[in-house]
Amino acid sequence: MNPTKHLLILLISALSYGYLNAQELSKKDSLNTENIKFNYKQLIIPTALIGYGVIGLGSDDLKDFNLGIRNEVTDDIDGKITVDDFSQYAPALSVYALNLAGIKGKNNLRDRSIILGTSLLLMTGTVTGLKKLTKVERPDGSDFNSFPSGHTATAFAGAEFMWQEYKDVSVWYGISGYIVATGTGFFRIYNNKHWLTDVATGAGIGILSTKVAYWIFPYVNKHVFKSKKNISSGMVAPFYNGKQMGLGMILNLK
């Protein structure tokens, strides 16, 4: 199979996750965090994406696909497009922007902030651990922390967050988040910073981290966040310290 077609098929499969969610969940099962229940079918695509990447670590065939895609992309690159450094945060930030615009999502500010924080904690821990464990060299040879893609994981964690919060308002909000996340993964490959297997695994980790965050929210809310204080205001924004980029969260309690 042509490497470009292979790339497109995998990225489209990640994007289609939002559509499958719509088919698998009825409104009765997805109105709020109190009745979000574990559904093994929702594990299929993120598990497949993660599995693809993990298998690719030792599969000569998948490594050849990685090289084929890298060679095909780099042949056409005139210059890097660094939009992925910012687009990774767009889906999660859009949830707060929509709420500020008066379009209310599923959860209030406090609950969704706890969920997002839990998701980012799970995602960051998993990505960082795998990078240190696998030590895969980046396509551009810049370092040995290529696997998995942290940018892609962040983008897909935010896309699933946006999906969960706004799919009952309009399915297009959730789909737009996945479009941005898919674009982020594509540009990580285009900019020669990640292999296809890195991007696939990052997407799976991001989706799964947010899924788990919603599933365990009742427990986290009850046993970790015992305070009855309400969040009166809050802000989520990207930060850059000269070496690393991330999301920062500031909450005001009353």
Protein backbone atom coordinates (compact mmCIF):
# COMPACT_ATOMS: atom_id res chain seq x y z
CA MET A 1 0.00 0.00 0.00
CA ASN A 2 1.21 3.51 -0.78
CA PRO A 3 2.54 5.11 2.45
CA THR A 4 0.45 8.24 2.01
CA LYS A 5 -2.73 6.21 1.65
CA HIS A 6 -1.75 4.24 4.75
CA LEU A 7 -1.31 7.47 6.69
CA LEU A 8 -4.65 8.84 5.55
CA ILE A 9 -6.48 5.62 6.44
CA LEU A 10 -5.08 5.63 9.97
CA LEU A 11 -5.79 9.31 10.59
CA ILE A 12 -9.31 9.00 9.19
CA SER A 13 -9.93 6.04 11.49
CA ALA A 14 -9.02 8.24 14.46
CA LEU A 15 -11.31 11.00 13.22
CA SER A 16 -14.15 8.50 12.79
CA TYR A 17 -14.04 7.79 16.51
CA GLY A 18 -16.39 10.69 17.12
CA TYR A 19 -18.91 9.27 14.67
CA LEU A 20 -18.75 5.82 16.28
CA ASN A 21 -19.29 7.41 19.68
CA ALA A 22 -22.49 8.94 18.35
CA GLN A 23 -23.68 5.55 17.18
CA GLU A 24 -22.71 3.69 20.36
CA LEU A 25 -24.10 6.11 22.92
CA SER A 26 -27.69 7.20 23.23
CA LYS A 27 -28.60 10.44 24.97
CA LYS A 28 -29.90 8.39 27.86
CA ASP A 29 -26.41 7.03 28.50
CA SER A 30 -24.48 10.24 28.02
CA LEU A 31 -26.26 13.16 29.62
CA ASN A 32 -23.85 13.89 32.49
CA THR A 33 -20.92 12.51 34.45
CA GLU A 34 -23.18 10.83 36.97
CA ASN A 35 -24.45 8.33 34.41
CA ILE A 36 -21.42 8.00 32.13
CA LYS A 37 -20.79 4.29 32.33
CA PHE A 38 -17.97 2.06 31.21
CA ASN A 39 -18.59 0.74 27.70
CA TYR A 40 -16.00 -1.67 26.37
CA LYS A 41 -16.90 -0.75 22.78
CA GLN A 42 -15.45 2.69 23.39
CA LEU A 43 -12.06 1.05 23.95
CA ILE A 44 -11.85 -0.45 20.47
CA ILE A 45 -10.40 2.45 18.48
CA PRO A 46 -8.03 3.91 21.13
CA THR A 47 -6.77 0.40 21.92
CA ALA A 48 -6.28 -0.32 18.22
CA LEU A 49 -4.33 2.92 17.76
CA ILE A 50 -2.11 2.22 20.76
CA GLY A 51 -1.67 -1.40 19.67
CA TYR A 52 -0.65 -0.33 16.19
CA GLY A 53 2.07 1.89 17.60
CA VAL A 54 3.34 -0.66 20.11
CA ILE A 55 3.49 -3.39 17.48
CA GLY A 56 5.31 -0.94 15.21
CA LEU A 57 8.18 -0.76 17.70
CA GLY A 58 9.23 -4.26 16.70
CA SER A 59 7.62 -4.83 13.31
CA ASP A 60 9.92 -4.49 10.30
CA ASP A 61 6.92 -4.01 8.02
CA LEU A 62 5.55 -1.10 10.05
CA LYS A 63 9.02 0.41 10.36
CA ASP A 64 9.23 0.30 6.56
CA PHE A 65 5.88 2.13 6.41
CA ASN A 66 7.26 4.72 8.81
CA LEU A 67 10.32 5.23 6.64
CA GLY A 68 8.26 5.33 3.48
CA ILE A 69 5.98 8.02 4.89
CA ARG A 70 8.94 10.00 6.25
CA ASN A 71 10.75 9.87 2.91
CA GLU A 72 7.65 10.82 0.96
CA VAL A 73 6.86 13.72 3.26
CA THR A 74 10.40 15.09 3.51
CA ASP A 75 10.76 15.05 -0.27
CA ASP A 76 7.95 17.61 -0.49
CA ILE A 77 8.83 19.78 2.53
CA ASP A 78 9.91 23.33 1.74
CA GLY A 79 9.73 24.51 5.35
CA LYS A 80 8.22 23.55 8.67
CA ILE A 81 4.73 24.64 9.67
CA THR A 82 4.65 24.99 13.46
CA VAL A 83 0.89 25.26 13.82
CA ASP A 84 0.91 21.95 15.72
CA ASP A 85 2.66 23.63 18.67
CA PHE A 86 -0.56 25.60 19.20
CA SER A 87 -3.29 23.46 17.65
CA GLN A 88 -2.64 20.74 20.23
CA TYR A 89 -4.35 22.95 22.82
CA ALA A 90 -7.19 24.22 20.63
CA PRO A 91 -9.84 21.53 21.38
CA ALA A 92 -9.53 21.79 25.18
CA LEU A 93 -9.40 25.60 25.15
CA SER A 94 -12.43 25.68 22.85
CA VAL A 95 -14.55 24.09 25.59
CA TYR A 96 -13.87 27.06 27.86
CA ALA A 97 -14.23 29.55 25.01
CA LEU A 98 -17.64 28.15 24.08
CA ASN A 99 -18.79 28.38 27.67
CA LEU A 100 -17.62 31.99 27.90
CA ALA A 101 -19.61 32.65 24.73
CA GLY A 102 -22.74 31.42 26.53
CA ILE A 103 -22.88 27.94 24.97
CA LYS A 104 -23.10 25.67 27.99
CA GLY A 105 -21.67 22.17 27.86
CA LYS A 106 -22.41 19.07 29.89
CA ASN A 107 -20.61 20.01 33.11
CA ASN A 108 -20.06 23.13 35.17
CA LEU A 109 -16.67 24.84 35.40
CA ARG A 110 -15.56 22.94 38.49
CA ASP A 111 -16.45 19.47 37.27
CA ARG A 112 -15.09 19.81 33.76
CA SER A 113 -11.87 21.34 35.10
CA ILE A 114 -11.38 18.36 37.41
CA ILE A 115 -12.05 16.01 34.50
CA LEU A 116 -9.64 17.82 32.19
CA GLY A 117 -6.97 17.95 34.89
CA THR A 118 -7.35 14.22 35.51
CA SER A 119 -7.14 13.48 31.80
CA LEU A 120 -4.00 15.59 31.32
CA LEU A 121 -2.40 13.98 34.37
CA LEU A 122 -3.07 10.48 33.05
CA MET A 123 -1.99 11.40 29.54
CA THR A 124 1.21 13.18 30.56
CA GLY A 125 2.27 10.40 32.91
CA THR A 126 1.71 7.74 30.27
CA VAL A 127 3.46 9.66 27.48
CA THR A 128 6.44 10.62 29.64
CA GLY A 129 6.85 7.08 30.93
CA LEU A 130 6.76 5.56 27.45
CA LYS A 131 9.23 8.11 26.07
CA LYS A 132 11.73 7.24 28.80
CA LEU A 133 11.11 3.51 28.40
CA THR A 134 11.25 3.18 24.61
CA LYS A 135 13.83 5.87 23.68
CA VAL A 136 12.86 5.91 20.01
CA GLU A 137 14.85 8.29 17.80
CA ARG A 138 12.89 11.04 16.08
CA PRO A 139 12.75 11.05 12.27
CA ASP A 140 14.89 14.20 12.21
CA GLY A 141 17.43 12.66 14.59
CA SER A 142 17.09 15.49 17.12
CA ASP A 143 16.64 13.24 20.19
CA PHE A 144 15.43 9.85 21.43
CA ASN A 145 11.99 10.60 22.88
CA SER A 146 9.86 10.21 19.77
CA PHE A 147 7.44 7.51 20.98
CA PRO A 148 4.64 8.43 21.51
CA SER A 149 3.70 11.89 20.24
CA GLY A 150 2.89 14.17 23.16
CA HIS A 151 1.45 16.87 20.89
CA THR A 152 -0.96 14.36 19.37
CA ALA A 153 -1.90 12.91 22.75
CA THR A 154 -2.70 16.40 24.07
CA ALA A 155 -4.77 17.23 21.00
CA PHE A 156 -6.82 14.03 21.12
CA ALA A 157 -7.33 14.26 24.88
CA GLY A 158 -8.78 17.72 24.25
CA ALA A 159 -10.83 16.49 21.30
CA GLU A 160 -12.47 13.77 23.38
CA PHE A 161 -13.02 16.33 26.16
CA MET A 162 -14.75 18.64 23.68
CA TRP A 163 -16.77 15.71 22.33
CA GLN A 164 -18.02 14.69 25.76
CA GLU A 165 -18.92 18.24 26.77
CA TYR A 166 -20.66 19.39 23.61
CA LYS A 167 -21.84 16.40 21.55
CA ASP A 168 -25.34 16.77 23.04
CA VAL A 169 -25.40 20.44 22.02
CA SER A 170 -24.19 19.74 18.48
CA VAL A 171 -22.28 16.77 17.14
CA TRP A 172 -20.26 19.18 15.00
CA TYR A 173 -18.52 20.63 18.02
CA GLY A 174 -17.09 17.22 18.81
CA ILE A 175 -16.22 16.47 15.21
CA SER A 176 -14.42 19.81 14.82
CA GLY A 177 -12.26 18.93 17.81
CA TYR A 178 -11.25 15.67 16.18
CA ILE A 179 -10.51 17.44 12.90
CA VAL A 180 -8.08 19.76 14.69
CA ALA A 181 -6.52 16.86 16.59
CA THR A 182 -6.07 14.86 13.39
CA GLY A 183 -4.45 17.87 11.75
CA THR A 184 -2.08 18.16 14.71
CA GLY A 185 -0.99 14.56 14.25
CA PHE A 186 -0.51 15.09 10.53
CA PHE A 187 1.71 18.12 11.06
CA ARG A 188 3.86 16.24 13.59
CA ILE A 189 4.68 13.87 10.73
CA TYR A 190 4.89 16.63 8.15
CA ASN A 191 7.39 18.53 10.31
CA ASN A 192 9.51 15.36 10.55
CA LYS A 193 9.18 15.22 14.35
CA HIS A 194 7.32 11.92 14.65
CA TRP A 195 6.76 8.58 12.99
CA LEU A 196 3.27 7.40 12.09
CA THR A 197 3.38 4.89 14.95
CA ASP A 198 4.17 7.73 17.40
CA VAL A 199 1.15 9.68 16.22
CA ALA A 200 -1.19 6.69 16.29
CA THR A 201 -0.22 5.79 19.84
CA GLY A 202 -0.45 9.41 20.98
CA ALA A 203 -3.98 9.64 19.59
CA GLY A 204 -5.02 6.46 21.36
CA ILE A 205 -3.53 7.57 24.68
CA GLY A 206 -5.20 10.97 24.46
CA ILE A 207 -8.65 9.53 23.76
CA LEU A 208 -8.31 6.85 26.42
CA SER A 209 -7.04 9.28 29.07
CA THR A 210 -10.12 11.47 28.73
CA LYS A 211 -12.44 8.46 28.63
CA VAL A 212 -10.94 7.18 31.88
CA ALA A 213 -11.13 10.67 33.43
CA TYR A 214 -14.90 10.72 32.85
CA TRP A 215 -15.36 7.18 34.09
CA ILE A 216 -13.51 7.79 37.37
CA PHE A 217 -14.78 11.33 37.93
CA PRO A 218 -17.43 10.31 40.52
CA TYR A 219 -14.72 8.59 42.59
CA VAL A 220 -12.20 11.43 42.17
CA ASN A 221 -14.85 14.01 43.03
CA LYS A 222 -15.92 12.16 46.14
CA HIS A 223 -12.58 11.10 47.57
CA VAL A 224 -10.06 13.65 46.24
CA PHE A 225 -12.05 16.88 45.89
CA LYS A 226 -14.05 16.73 49.12
CA SER A 227 -14.41 20.49 49.49
CA LYS A 228 -17.87 21.88 48.91
CA LYS A 229 -16.45 25.15 47.64
CA ASN A 230 -17.55 26.23 44.22
CA ILE A 231 -15.33 27.56 41.50
CA SER A 232 -16.33 31.15 40.83
CA SER A 233 -13.96 31.68 37.92
CA GLY A 234 -11.09 30.00 36.15
CA MET A 235 -8.72 30.15 33.26
CA VAL A 236 -6.94 27.55 31.16
CA ALA A 237 -4.09 28.74 28.96
CA PRO A 238 -0.99 27.34 27.24
CA PHE A 239 2.43 28.19 28.67
CA TYR A 240 6.02 28.05 27.42
CA ASN A 241 9.06 28.10 29.73
CA GLY A 242 11.74 28.26 27.05
CA LYS A 243 12.02 24.50 26.70
CA GLN A 244 8.58 22.98 27.18
CA MET A 245 5.01 23.89 26.35
CA GLY A 246 1.93 22.86 28.31
CA LEU A 247 -1.47 23.84 29.67
CA GLY A 248 -1.86 25.83 32.85
CA MET A 249 -5.05 26.04 34.92
CA ILE A 250 -5.97 28.73 37.47
CA LEU A 251 -9.16 28.33 39.54
CA ASN A 252 -10.75 30.78 42.00
CA LEU A 253 -12.77 29.26 44.83
CA LYS A 254 -15.52 30.92 46.81
